[in-house]
N, C-alpha and C. Protein backbone atom coordinates (compact mmCIF):
# COMPACT_ATOMS: atom_id res chain seq x y z
N MET A 1 10.14 -82.58 14.24
CA MET A 1 10.86 -81.90 13.38
C MET A 1 12.37 -82.18 13.65
N ASN A 2 13.02 -82.59 12.59
CA ASN A 2 14.58 -82.81 12.77
C ASN A 2 15.28 -81.57 12.49
N GLU A 3 16.57 -81.72 12.80
CA GLU A 3 17.43 -80.52 12.96
C GLU A 3 17.73 -79.88 11.63
N THR A 4 17.73 -80.65 10.50
CA THR A 4 17.58 -79.91 9.23
C THR A 4 16.52 -79.16 8.86
N GLN A 5 15.32 -79.78 9.19
CA GLN A 5 13.97 -79.13 9.04
C GLN A 5 14.04 -77.66 9.79
N HIS A 6 14.29 -77.84 11.08
CA HIS A 6 14.29 -76.80 11.75
C HIS A 6 15.32 -75.79 11.35
N HIS A 7 16.56 -76.07 10.89
CA HIS A 7 17.34 -75.14 10.11
C HIS A 7 16.81 -74.42 8.98
N ASN A 8 16.11 -75.33 8.11
CA ASN A 8 15.52 -74.71 6.99
C ASN A 8 14.30 -73.74 7.49
N MET A 9 13.62 -74.25 8.38
CA MET A 9 12.59 -73.12 8.79
C MET A 9 12.98 -71.96 9.35
N ILE A 10 13.97 -71.88 10.09
CA ILE A 10 14.74 -70.75 10.70
C ILE A 10 15.23 -69.94 9.23
N ARG A 11 15.80 -70.69 8.48
CA ARG A 11 16.32 -69.79 7.44
C ARG A 11 15.15 -69.22 6.51
N TYR A 12 14.02 -69.96 6.17
CA TYR A 12 12.83 -69.38 5.66
C TYR A 12 12.28 -68.12 6.49
N ILE A 13 12.30 -68.30 7.54
CA ILE A 13 11.74 -67.10 8.54
C ILE A 13 12.61 -65.94 8.43
N HIS A 14 13.78 -66.12 8.38
CA HIS A 14 14.85 -64.97 8.12
C HIS A 14 14.73 -64.33 6.94
N ASP A 15 14.32 -65.29 5.97
CA ASP A 15 14.25 -64.78 4.50
C ASP A 15 12.82 -63.74 4.38
N VAL A 16 11.86 -64.18 4.99
CA VAL A 16 10.62 -63.37 5.10
C VAL A 16 10.96 -62.03 5.88
N ILE A 17 11.68 -62.19 6.95
CA ILE A 17 12.02 -60.94 7.83
C ILE A 17 12.78 -59.97 7.04
N ALA A 18 13.84 -60.35 6.21
CA ALA A 18 14.67 -59.55 5.38
C ALA A 18 13.81 -58.93 4.34
N MET A 19 13.01 -59.84 3.74
CA MET A 19 12.19 -59.37 2.58
C MET A 19 11.33 -58.24 3.15
N GLU A 20 10.63 -58.54 4.15
CA GLU A 20 9.53 -57.61 4.69
C GLU A 20 10.46 -56.07 5.00
N ARG A 21 11.38 -56.34 5.60
CA ARG A 21 12.28 -55.08 5.99
C ARG A 21 12.71 -54.31 4.59
N ASP A 22 12.93 -55.02 3.62
CA ASP A 22 13.41 -54.31 2.16
C ASP A 22 12.29 -53.76 1.85
N ILE A 23 11.08 -54.30 1.71
CA ILE A 23 9.79 -53.87 1.13
C ILE A 23 9.43 -52.57 2.06
N VAL A 24 9.40 -52.82 3.28
CA VAL A 24 8.79 -51.49 4.02
C VAL A 24 9.95 -50.33 3.85
N ASN A 25 11.05 -50.52 3.76
CA ASN A 25 12.07 -49.57 3.64
C ASN A 25 11.85 -48.83 2.30
N ALA A 26 11.64 -49.60 1.27
CA ALA A 26 11.42 -49.09 0.05
C ALA A 26 10.00 -48.21 -0.02
N VAL A 27 9.08 -48.95 0.51
CA VAL A 27 7.71 -48.10 0.39
C VAL A 27 7.86 -46.80 1.32
N ARG A 28 8.36 -46.80 2.38
CA ARG A 28 8.66 -45.78 3.24
C ARG A 28 9.15 -44.67 2.46
N THR A 29 10.46 -44.89 1.70
CA THR A 29 10.76 -44.04 0.85
C THR A 29 9.94 -43.37 -0.13
N GLN A 30 9.30 -44.35 -0.74
CA GLN A 30 8.06 -43.85 -2.07
C GLN A 30 7.20 -42.85 -1.11
N LEU A 31 6.84 -43.34 0.03
CA LEU A 31 5.81 -42.33 0.83
C LEU A 31 6.34 -40.77 0.80
N GLU A 32 7.87 -40.87 0.76
CA GLU A 32 8.25 -39.41 0.96
C GLU A 32 8.20 -38.74 -0.51
N ASP A 33 7.92 -39.10 -1.50
CA ASP A 33 7.80 -38.70 -2.75
C ASP A 33 6.42 -37.66 -2.87
N GLU A 34 6.60 -36.60 -3.38
CA GLU A 34 5.58 -35.62 -3.40
C GLU A 34 4.37 -36.01 -4.26
N ARG A 35 4.69 -36.71 -5.14
CA ARG A 35 3.51 -37.15 -6.20
C ARG A 35 2.76 -38.33 -5.32
N VAL A 36 3.42 -39.03 -4.46
CA VAL A 36 2.49 -40.27 -3.73
C VAL A 36 1.73 -39.24 -2.78
N LYS A 37 2.48 -38.41 -2.12
CA LYS A 37 1.70 -37.78 -0.97
C LYS A 37 0.42 -36.99 -1.51
N GLU A 38 0.49 -36.47 -2.87
CA GLU A 38 -0.80 -35.95 -3.32
C GLU A 38 -1.63 -36.93 -3.93
N HIS A 39 -1.39 -38.14 -4.12
CA HIS A 39 -2.16 -39.18 -4.47
C HIS A 39 -2.85 -39.88 -3.28
N HIS A 40 -3.89 -39.70 -2.75
CA HIS A 40 -4.49 -39.87 -1.47
C HIS A 40 -4.69 -41.42 -1.38
N GLU A 41 -5.27 -41.97 -2.47
CA GLU A 41 -5.43 -43.54 -2.37
C GLU A 41 -4.16 -44.21 -2.50
N LEU A 42 -3.36 -43.77 -3.25
CA LEU A 42 -1.95 -44.42 -3.58
C LEU A 42 -1.10 -44.46 -2.13
N LYS A 43 -1.23 -43.33 -1.65
CA LYS A 43 -0.47 -43.03 -0.39
C LYS A 43 -1.16 -43.89 0.79
N SER A 44 -2.41 -43.98 0.78
CA SER A 44 -3.04 -45.12 1.74
C SER A 44 -2.78 -46.39 1.69
N ILE A 45 -2.81 -46.82 0.29
CA ILE A 45 -2.23 -48.31 0.03
C ILE A 45 -0.78 -48.51 0.51
N PHE A 46 0.03 -47.55 0.04
CA PHE A 46 1.63 -47.49 0.48
C PHE A 46 1.66 -47.68 2.00
N LEU A 47 1.06 -46.87 2.50
CA LEU A 47 1.09 -46.73 4.15
C LEU A 47 0.69 -47.98 4.70
N ASP A 48 -0.47 -48.59 4.04
CA ASP A 48 -0.94 -49.97 4.75
C ASP A 48 0.11 -50.97 4.57
N ILE A 49 0.79 -51.13 3.27
CA ILE A 49 1.60 -51.97 2.81
C ILE A 49 2.94 -52.00 4.02
N ALA A 50 3.37 -50.85 4.22
CA ALA A 50 4.40 -50.61 5.05
C ALA A 50 3.92 -50.90 6.67
N VAL A 51 2.84 -50.45 7.16
CA VAL A 51 2.43 -50.87 8.48
C VAL A 51 2.27 -52.44 8.54
N HIS A 52 1.58 -53.00 7.64
CA HIS A 52 1.30 -54.29 7.67
C HIS A 52 2.67 -55.25 7.56
N GLY A 53 3.56 -54.68 6.80
CA GLY A 53 4.94 -55.39 6.51
C GLY A 53 5.67 -55.06 7.77
N ASP A 54 5.72 -54.10 8.46
CA ASP A 54 6.21 -53.94 10.05
C ASP A 54 5.72 -54.93 10.78
N HIS A 55 4.53 -55.00 10.80
CA HIS A 55 3.80 -55.88 11.78
C HIS A 55 4.29 -57.42 11.45
N ARG A 56 4.36 -57.90 10.27
CA ARG A 56 4.72 -59.26 9.97
C ARG A 56 5.99 -59.54 10.42
N ALA A 57 6.92 -58.52 10.12
CA ALA A 57 8.27 -58.57 10.29
C ALA A 57 8.40 -58.81 11.80
N ASP A 58 7.84 -58.11 12.47
CA ASP A 58 7.95 -58.22 14.07
C ASP A 58 7.49 -59.39 14.58
N MET A 59 6.33 -59.94 13.98
CA MET A 59 5.96 -61.23 14.46
C MET A 59 6.90 -62.28 14.14
N PHE A 60 7.47 -62.21 13.02
CA PHE A 60 8.52 -63.28 12.72
C PHE A 60 9.78 -63.16 13.34
N GLU A 61 10.16 -61.97 13.61
CA GLU A 61 11.32 -61.71 14.55
C GLU A 61 11.17 -62.38 15.99
N ARG A 62 10.06 -62.29 16.39
CA ARG A 62 9.70 -62.80 17.64
C ARG A 62 9.74 -64.43 17.63
N LEU A 63 9.29 -64.86 16.66
CA LEU A 63 9.32 -66.28 16.40
C LEU A 63 10.74 -66.84 16.43
N ALA A 64 11.43 -66.22 15.29
CA ALA A 64 12.78 -66.53 15.20
C ALA A 64 13.57 -66.38 16.42
N GLU A 65 13.56 -65.46 17.27
CA GLU A 65 14.09 -65.30 18.41
C GLU A 65 13.92 -66.64 19.64
N GLN A 66 12.63 -66.98 19.45
CA GLN A 66 12.23 -68.21 20.20
C GLN A 66 12.62 -69.48 19.61
N GLU A 67 12.72 -69.43 18.28
CA GLU A 67 13.22 -70.82 17.57
C GLU A 67 14.63 -70.87 17.59
N ASP A 68 15.59 -69.76 17.46
CA ASP A 68 17.03 -69.92 17.29
C ASP A 68 17.86 -69.38 18.43
N GLY A 69 17.22 -69.19 19.57
CA GLY A 69 18.00 -68.78 20.66
C GLY A 69 18.59 -67.40 20.41
N GLY A 70 18.09 -66.47 19.64
CA GLY A 70 18.64 -65.14 19.78
C GLY A 70 19.64 -64.90 18.71
N THR A 71 20.00 -65.79 17.83
CA THR A 71 21.12 -65.65 16.74
C THR A 71 20.54 -64.82 15.57
N LEU A 72 19.55 -64.01 15.69
CA LEU A 72 18.77 -63.50 14.50
C LEU A 72 19.79 -62.62 13.73
N GLY A 73 20.58 -61.71 14.31
CA GLY A 73 21.30 -60.80 13.70
C GLY A 73 21.97 -61.24 12.28
N GLY A 74 22.95 -62.41 12.50
CA GLY A 74 23.66 -62.97 11.52
C GLY A 74 22.72 -63.60 10.33
N ALA A 75 21.74 -64.44 10.86
CA ALA A 75 20.93 -64.91 9.78
C ALA A 75 19.98 -63.85 9.01
N ILE A 76 19.59 -62.76 9.72
CA ILE A 76 19.11 -61.85 8.92
C ILE A 76 19.96 -61.26 7.77
N LYS A 77 20.97 -60.91 8.20
CA LYS A 77 21.91 -60.46 7.03
C LYS A 77 22.08 -61.56 5.93
N GLU A 78 22.04 -62.78 6.30
CA GLU A 78 22.26 -63.78 5.20
C GLU A 78 20.73 -63.66 4.38
N GLY A 79 19.70 -63.67 5.07
CA GLY A 79 18.47 -63.47 4.35
C GLY A 79 18.39 -62.21 3.47
N ILE A 80 18.74 -61.08 4.01
CA ILE A 80 18.68 -59.95 3.26
C ILE A 80 19.53 -60.20 1.98
N ALA A 81 20.82 -60.70 2.10
CA ALA A 81 21.68 -61.03 1.03
C ALA A 81 20.82 -61.83 -0.11
N SER A 82 20.07 -62.80 0.20
CA SER A 82 19.30 -63.69 -0.77
C SER A 82 18.11 -62.88 -1.47
N ILE A 83 17.63 -61.95 -0.68
CA ILE A 83 16.16 -61.42 -1.13
C ILE A 83 16.53 -60.00 -1.84
N THR A 84 17.48 -59.55 -1.18
CA THR A 84 17.84 -57.96 -1.72
C THR A 84 18.06 -57.83 -3.29
N GLY A 85 18.67 -58.86 -3.72
CA GLY A 85 18.79 -58.97 -5.23
C GLY A 85 17.69 -58.71 -6.07
N VAL A 86 16.80 -59.39 -5.72
CA VAL A 86 15.48 -59.37 -6.29
C VAL A 86 14.99 -58.09 -6.14
N LEU A 87 14.70 -57.33 -4.99
CA LEU A 87 14.18 -56.26 -4.81
C LEU A 87 14.93 -55.06 -5.07
N ALA A 88 16.13 -55.22 -5.08
CA ALA A 88 17.14 -53.99 -5.42
C ALA A 88 16.85 -53.64 -6.81
N GLY A 89 16.61 -54.44 -7.73
CA GLY A 89 16.31 -54.01 -9.26
C GLY A 89 14.96 -53.36 -9.27
N LEU A 90 13.98 -53.80 -8.39
CA LEU A 90 12.67 -53.23 -8.29
C LEU A 90 12.62 -51.79 -7.90
N TYR A 91 13.42 -51.55 -6.63
CA TYR A 91 13.32 -50.50 -5.93
C TYR A 91 14.39 -49.28 -6.24
N GLY A 92 15.48 -49.62 -7.13
CA GLY A 92 16.52 -48.83 -7.28
C GLY A 92 16.15 -47.60 -7.83
N MET A 93 16.60 -46.53 -7.29
CA MET A 93 16.22 -45.18 -7.96
C MET A 93 14.88 -44.86 -7.96
N ALA A 94 14.10 -45.19 -6.91
CA ALA A 94 12.55 -45.08 -6.90
C ALA A 94 12.07 -43.52 -6.98
N ARG A 95 12.78 -42.61 -6.78
CA ARG A 95 12.53 -41.27 -7.04
C ARG A 95 12.41 -40.95 -8.42
N MET A 96 13.26 -41.55 -9.11
CA MET A 96 13.43 -41.13 -10.53
C MET A 96 12.10 -41.83 -11.52
N HIS A 97 11.48 -42.76 -10.85
CA HIS A 97 10.44 -43.50 -11.55
C HIS A 97 9.04 -42.83 -11.52
N PRO A 98 8.44 -43.04 -12.64
CA PRO A 98 6.98 -42.55 -12.58
C PRO A 98 6.06 -43.38 -11.66
N LEU A 99 5.03 -42.79 -11.05
CA LEU A 99 4.15 -43.36 -10.06
C LEU A 99 3.80 -44.87 -10.38
N SER A 100 3.41 -44.93 -11.89
CA SER A 100 3.04 -46.12 -12.44
C SER A 100 4.12 -47.29 -12.08
N ARG A 101 5.53 -47.09 -12.19
CA ARG A 101 6.52 -47.92 -12.01
C ARG A 101 6.57 -48.41 -10.53
N MET A 102 6.21 -47.17 -9.62
CA MET A 102 6.37 -47.59 -8.18
C MET A 102 5.21 -48.52 -7.88
N VAL A 103 3.99 -48.40 -8.42
CA VAL A 103 2.83 -49.25 -8.28
C VAL A 103 3.21 -50.69 -8.83
N ARG A 104 3.77 -50.77 -9.96
CA ARG A 104 4.28 -52.04 -10.49
C ARG A 104 5.32 -52.81 -9.77
N ASP A 105 6.22 -52.10 -9.14
CA ASP A 105 7.23 -52.53 -8.26
C ASP A 105 6.54 -53.10 -6.96
N ASN A 106 5.57 -52.40 -6.50
CA ASN A 106 4.88 -52.91 -5.20
C ASN A 106 4.10 -54.11 -5.57
N ILE A 107 3.41 -54.07 -6.48
CA ILE A 107 2.75 -55.36 -7.03
C ILE A 107 3.76 -56.53 -7.12
N VAL A 108 4.75 -56.42 -7.67
CA VAL A 108 5.77 -57.56 -7.88
C VAL A 108 6.36 -57.83 -6.46
N ALA A 109 6.54 -56.87 -5.72
CA ALA A 109 6.98 -57.06 -4.30
C ALA A 109 6.18 -57.93 -3.42
N MET A 110 4.73 -57.59 -3.39
CA MET A 110 3.73 -58.06 -2.54
C MET A 110 3.55 -59.81 -3.34
N ASP A 111 3.71 -59.87 -4.54
CA ASP A 111 3.78 -61.21 -5.09
C ASP A 111 4.90 -62.01 -4.69
N LEU A 112 5.94 -61.23 -4.59
CA LEU A 112 7.09 -62.03 -4.11
C LEU A 112 6.81 -62.59 -2.62
N ALA A 113 6.19 -61.60 -1.85
CA ALA A 113 5.79 -62.09 -0.43
C ALA A 113 4.97 -63.06 -0.36
N SER A 114 4.02 -63.01 -1.20
CA SER A 114 2.98 -64.27 -1.26
C SER A 114 3.73 -65.44 -1.61
N VAL A 115 4.56 -65.56 -2.35
CA VAL A 115 5.14 -66.90 -2.80
C VAL A 115 6.10 -67.09 -1.61
N SER A 116 6.74 -66.26 -0.99
CA SER A 116 7.71 -66.46 0.15
C SER A 116 6.88 -67.12 1.30
N TYR A 117 5.65 -66.52 1.62
CA TYR A 117 4.79 -66.87 2.73
C TYR A 117 4.29 -68.45 2.34
N GLY A 118 4.03 -68.65 1.04
CA GLY A 118 3.54 -69.92 0.67
C GLY A 118 4.48 -70.97 0.84
N MET A 119 5.88 -70.69 0.52
CA MET A 119 6.95 -71.48 0.94
C MET A 119 7.00 -71.88 2.39
N LEU A 120 7.00 -70.68 3.16
CA LEU A 120 7.08 -70.84 4.65
C LEU A 120 5.69 -71.74 5.11
N LEU A 121 4.73 -71.52 4.65
CA LEU A 121 3.62 -72.13 4.93
C LEU A 121 3.65 -73.72 4.91
N THR A 122 4.12 -74.12 3.54
CA THR A 122 4.16 -75.37 3.24
C THR A 122 5.06 -76.05 4.09
N LEU A 123 6.46 -75.43 4.46
CA LEU A 123 7.46 -76.03 5.47
C LEU A 123 6.79 -76.13 6.68
N ALA A 124 6.00 -75.20 7.40
CA ALA A 124 5.45 -75.23 8.61
C ALA A 124 4.50 -76.46 8.64
N ILE A 125 3.53 -76.63 7.81
CA ILE A 125 2.54 -77.63 7.67
C ILE A 125 3.44 -79.04 7.57
N ALA A 126 4.27 -79.15 6.89
CA ALA A 126 4.99 -80.37 6.70
C ALA A 126 5.71 -80.76 7.94
N THR A 127 6.18 -79.86 8.65
CA THR A 127 7.01 -80.20 9.94
C THR A 127 6.24 -80.08 11.24
N GLY A 128 4.82 -79.70 11.08
CA GLY A 128 3.94 -79.75 12.26
C GLY A 128 4.25 -78.48 13.00
N HIS A 129 4.84 -77.45 12.74
CA HIS A 129 5.02 -76.19 13.32
C HIS A 129 3.79 -75.19 13.42
N LYS A 130 2.85 -75.46 14.30
CA LYS A 130 1.76 -74.74 14.31
C LYS A 130 1.69 -73.24 14.32
N ARG A 131 2.60 -72.71 15.30
CA ARG A 131 2.66 -71.31 15.38
C ARG A 131 3.19 -70.56 14.13
N CYS A 132 4.27 -71.07 13.56
CA CYS A 132 4.68 -70.78 12.28
C CYS A 132 3.72 -70.97 11.04
N GLU A 133 2.99 -72.07 11.10
CA GLU A 133 1.94 -72.19 10.07
C GLU A 133 0.92 -71.08 10.21
N GLU A 134 0.45 -70.78 11.49
CA GLU A 134 -0.57 -69.52 11.70
C GLU A 134 0.01 -68.20 11.22
N LEU A 135 1.34 -67.94 11.34
CA LEU A 135 1.72 -66.64 11.16
C LEU A 135 1.97 -66.58 9.71
N ALA A 136 2.45 -67.61 9.07
CA ALA A 136 2.81 -67.87 7.53
C ALA A 136 1.22 -67.69 6.74
N LEU A 137 0.35 -68.27 7.39
CA LEU A 137 -0.95 -68.35 6.62
C LEU A 137 -1.54 -66.80 6.72
N SER A 138 -1.55 -66.19 7.99
CA SER A 138 -1.98 -64.98 8.04
C SER A 138 -1.47 -63.93 7.28
N SER A 139 0.06 -64.01 7.28
CA SER A 139 0.75 -63.26 6.31
C SER A 139 0.33 -63.38 4.89
N LEU A 140 0.22 -64.54 4.44
CA LEU A 140 0.03 -64.90 2.92
C LEU A 140 -1.33 -64.22 2.65
N ASN A 141 -2.26 -64.34 3.52
CA ASN A 141 -3.56 -63.86 3.48
C ASN A 141 -3.64 -62.38 3.27
N ASP A 142 -2.66 -61.59 3.95
CA ASP A 142 -2.40 -60.00 3.64
C ASP A 142 -2.17 -59.69 2.19
N CYS A 143 -1.22 -60.58 1.52
CA CYS A 143 -0.84 -60.19 0.41
C CYS A 143 -1.72 -60.03 -0.93
N PRO A 144 -2.60 -60.91 -1.28
CA PRO A 144 -3.52 -60.67 -2.15
C PRO A 144 -4.30 -59.34 -2.32
N GLY A 145 -4.73 -58.97 -1.17
CA GLY A 145 -5.57 -57.65 -1.10
C GLY A 145 -4.64 -56.63 -1.60
N PHE A 146 -3.34 -56.61 -1.19
CA PHE A 146 -2.36 -55.39 -1.56
C PHE A 146 -2.28 -55.36 -3.23
N VAL A 147 -2.23 -56.55 -3.75
CA VAL A 147 -1.89 -56.85 -5.43
C VAL A 147 -3.17 -56.42 -5.98
N LEU A 148 -4.26 -56.75 -5.43
CA LEU A 148 -5.64 -56.49 -6.13
C LEU A 148 -5.74 -55.00 -6.06
N ARG A 149 -5.67 -54.19 -4.90
CA ARG A 149 -5.92 -52.94 -4.79
C ARG A 149 -4.96 -52.12 -5.67
N LEU A 150 -3.53 -52.50 -5.71
CA LEU A 150 -2.55 -51.93 -6.58
C LEU A 150 -3.03 -52.01 -8.28
N THR A 151 -3.17 -53.24 -8.32
CA THR A 151 -3.67 -53.68 -9.91
C THR A 151 -4.76 -52.85 -10.26
N ARG A 152 -5.83 -52.59 -9.64
CA ARG A 152 -6.98 -52.01 -9.95
C ARG A 152 -6.67 -50.51 -10.07
N LEU A 153 -5.72 -50.06 -9.28
CA LEU A 153 -5.30 -48.43 -9.40
C LEU A 153 -4.32 -48.36 -10.67
N LEU A 154 -3.58 -49.32 -11.04
CA LEU A 154 -2.45 -49.21 -12.10
C LEU A 154 -3.10 -48.45 -13.32
N PRO A 155 -4.11 -49.03 -13.98
CA PRO A 155 -4.48 -48.59 -15.26
C PRO A 155 -4.80 -46.90 -15.19
N HIS A 156 -5.41 -46.49 -14.06
CA HIS A 156 -5.85 -45.04 -13.78
C HIS A 156 -4.52 -44.21 -13.62
N ILE A 157 -3.49 -44.65 -12.99
CA ILE A 157 -2.34 -44.03 -12.90
C ILE A 157 -1.46 -43.92 -14.28
N VAL A 158 -1.43 -45.03 -14.90
CA VAL A 158 -0.74 -44.90 -16.31
C VAL A 158 -1.61 -43.94 -17.21
N LEU A 159 -2.91 -43.76 -17.25
CA LEU A 159 -3.68 -43.06 -17.90
C LEU A 159 -3.39 -41.56 -17.50
N GLU A 160 -3.41 -41.22 -16.21
CA GLU A 160 -3.03 -39.88 -15.59
C GLU A 160 -1.59 -39.48 -16.17
N GLU A 161 -0.71 -40.21 -16.15
CA GLU A 161 0.68 -40.05 -16.65
C GLU A 161 0.65 -39.75 -17.99
N ILE A 162 0.17 -40.56 -18.84
CA ILE A 162 0.10 -40.37 -20.26
C ILE A 162 -0.69 -39.17 -20.85
N SER A 163 -1.70 -38.86 -19.97
CA SER A 163 -2.43 -37.54 -20.25
C SER A 163 -1.94 -36.52 -19.99
N GLN A 164 -0.85 -36.35 -19.33
CA GLN A 164 0.04 -35.24 -18.99
C GLN A 164 0.78 -34.78 -20.25
N ASP A 165 1.14 -35.66 -21.01
CA ASP A 165 2.01 -35.28 -22.29
C ASP A 165 1.20 -35.03 -23.19
N ALA A 166 0.00 -35.32 -23.53
CA ALA A 166 -0.85 -35.12 -24.59
C ALA A 166 -2.23 -35.72 -24.40
N PRO A 167 -3.26 -35.29 -25.12
CA PRO A 167 -4.50 -35.83 -24.86
C PRO A 167 -4.60 -37.14 -25.34
N VAL A 168 -5.46 -38.11 -24.71
CA VAL A 168 -5.46 -39.45 -25.31
C VAL A 168 -6.59 -39.70 -26.18
N GLU A 169 -6.52 -40.71 -26.99
CA GLU A 169 -7.74 -41.03 -27.90
C GLU A 169 -8.90 -41.51 -27.04
N ASN A 170 -8.80 -42.18 -26.04
CA ASN A 170 -9.69 -42.86 -25.27
C ASN A 170 -9.78 -42.66 -23.85
N ALA A 171 -10.47 -41.65 -23.46
CA ALA A 171 -10.63 -41.24 -22.01
C ALA A 171 -11.00 -42.26 -20.92
N LEU A 172 -11.88 -43.37 -21.47
CA LEU A 172 -12.04 -44.30 -20.56
C LEU A 172 -11.26 -45.71 -20.58
N ALA A 173 -10.00 -45.37 -21.17
CA ALA A 173 -8.96 -46.43 -21.28
C ALA A 173 -8.86 -47.25 -19.86
N ALA A 174 -8.54 -46.33 -18.93
CA ALA A 174 -8.31 -46.95 -17.61
C ALA A 174 -9.33 -47.88 -17.07
N ASP A 175 -10.59 -47.38 -17.21
CA ASP A 175 -11.75 -48.25 -16.93
C ASP A 175 -11.79 -49.57 -17.61
N GLN A 176 -11.67 -49.41 -18.96
CA GLN A 176 -11.71 -50.62 -19.71
C GLN A 176 -10.58 -51.54 -19.41
N ALA A 177 -9.23 -51.03 -19.22
CA ALA A 177 -8.06 -51.91 -18.89
C ALA A 177 -8.19 -52.50 -17.58
N GLU A 178 -8.91 -51.88 -16.65
CA GLU A 178 -9.17 -52.34 -15.26
C GLU A 178 -10.13 -53.57 -15.45
N LYS A 179 -11.21 -53.38 -16.13
CA LYS A 179 -12.17 -54.60 -16.36
C LYS A 179 -11.32 -55.52 -16.99
N LEU A 180 -10.73 -55.28 -18.17
CA LEU A 180 -10.39 -56.38 -18.84
C LEU A 180 -8.91 -57.24 -17.90
N ILE A 181 -8.19 -56.61 -17.19
CA ILE A 181 -7.33 -57.07 -16.17
C ILE A 181 -7.97 -57.94 -15.15
N ARG A 182 -9.22 -57.45 -14.70
CA ARG A 182 -10.05 -58.20 -13.55
C ARG A 182 -10.38 -59.56 -14.26
N ASP A 183 -11.08 -59.22 -15.58
CA ASP A 183 -11.53 -60.53 -16.30
C ASP A 183 -10.46 -61.50 -16.70
N SER A 184 -9.31 -61.06 -16.86
CA SER A 184 -8.09 -61.97 -16.83
C SER A 184 -7.78 -62.79 -15.84
N TRP A 185 -7.90 -62.09 -14.73
CA TRP A 185 -7.46 -62.76 -13.51
C TRP A 185 -8.71 -63.73 -13.09
N ASN A 186 -9.73 -63.31 -13.24
CA ASN A 186 -11.03 -64.25 -13.07
C ASN A 186 -10.98 -65.44 -13.99
N ARG A 187 -10.63 -65.23 -15.15
CA ARG A 187 -10.55 -66.46 -16.09
C ARG A 187 -9.45 -67.39 -15.82
N SER A 188 -8.47 -66.96 -15.23
CA SER A 188 -7.45 -67.91 -14.97
C SER A 188 -7.35 -68.64 -13.61
N ASP A 189 -8.59 -68.46 -12.76
CA ASP A 189 -8.78 -69.32 -11.67
C ASP A 189 -9.08 -70.62 -12.08
N PRO A 190 -8.23 -71.71 -11.54
CA PRO A 190 -8.41 -73.04 -11.87
C PRO A 190 -9.58 -73.65 -11.44
């Protein structure tokens, strides 16, 4: 691996650390919301996202410290600046959002994580960095499960929210929407 490739890998690692820390901080704030606390399945998923995100960030911090000689602090700030813009719009004023928007925002965040880990994985494979490749692949493999769990739950939360305002015409709407969403994903598999 040449110096430029090494620098790019370190930058990508710092980006995923910053991204994970942002996601974890936002999800931990959501976990303090009374509505989340009362929704046991949602609370469990959010807690899993936070715990797994902390673990992934810790693993990459150790790798970054090994790779860049301990200059993690400044690079993390640079990574935070690049990722925070995307996540800030999602997570701003979280307590004012309905649960459905929290779920949506976490789906988008986990999609962003998936894309970021895919980029890092590609770079690690291309440069022959086996340890980074292993960590990136493991992290990438975490993301789809969270997206699927949240996507499955989203129609039910939307239905719960709109049912609070007035009776709905179709009480089975969440089940039907969940099936149609799942079918849509299954059809799009190339």
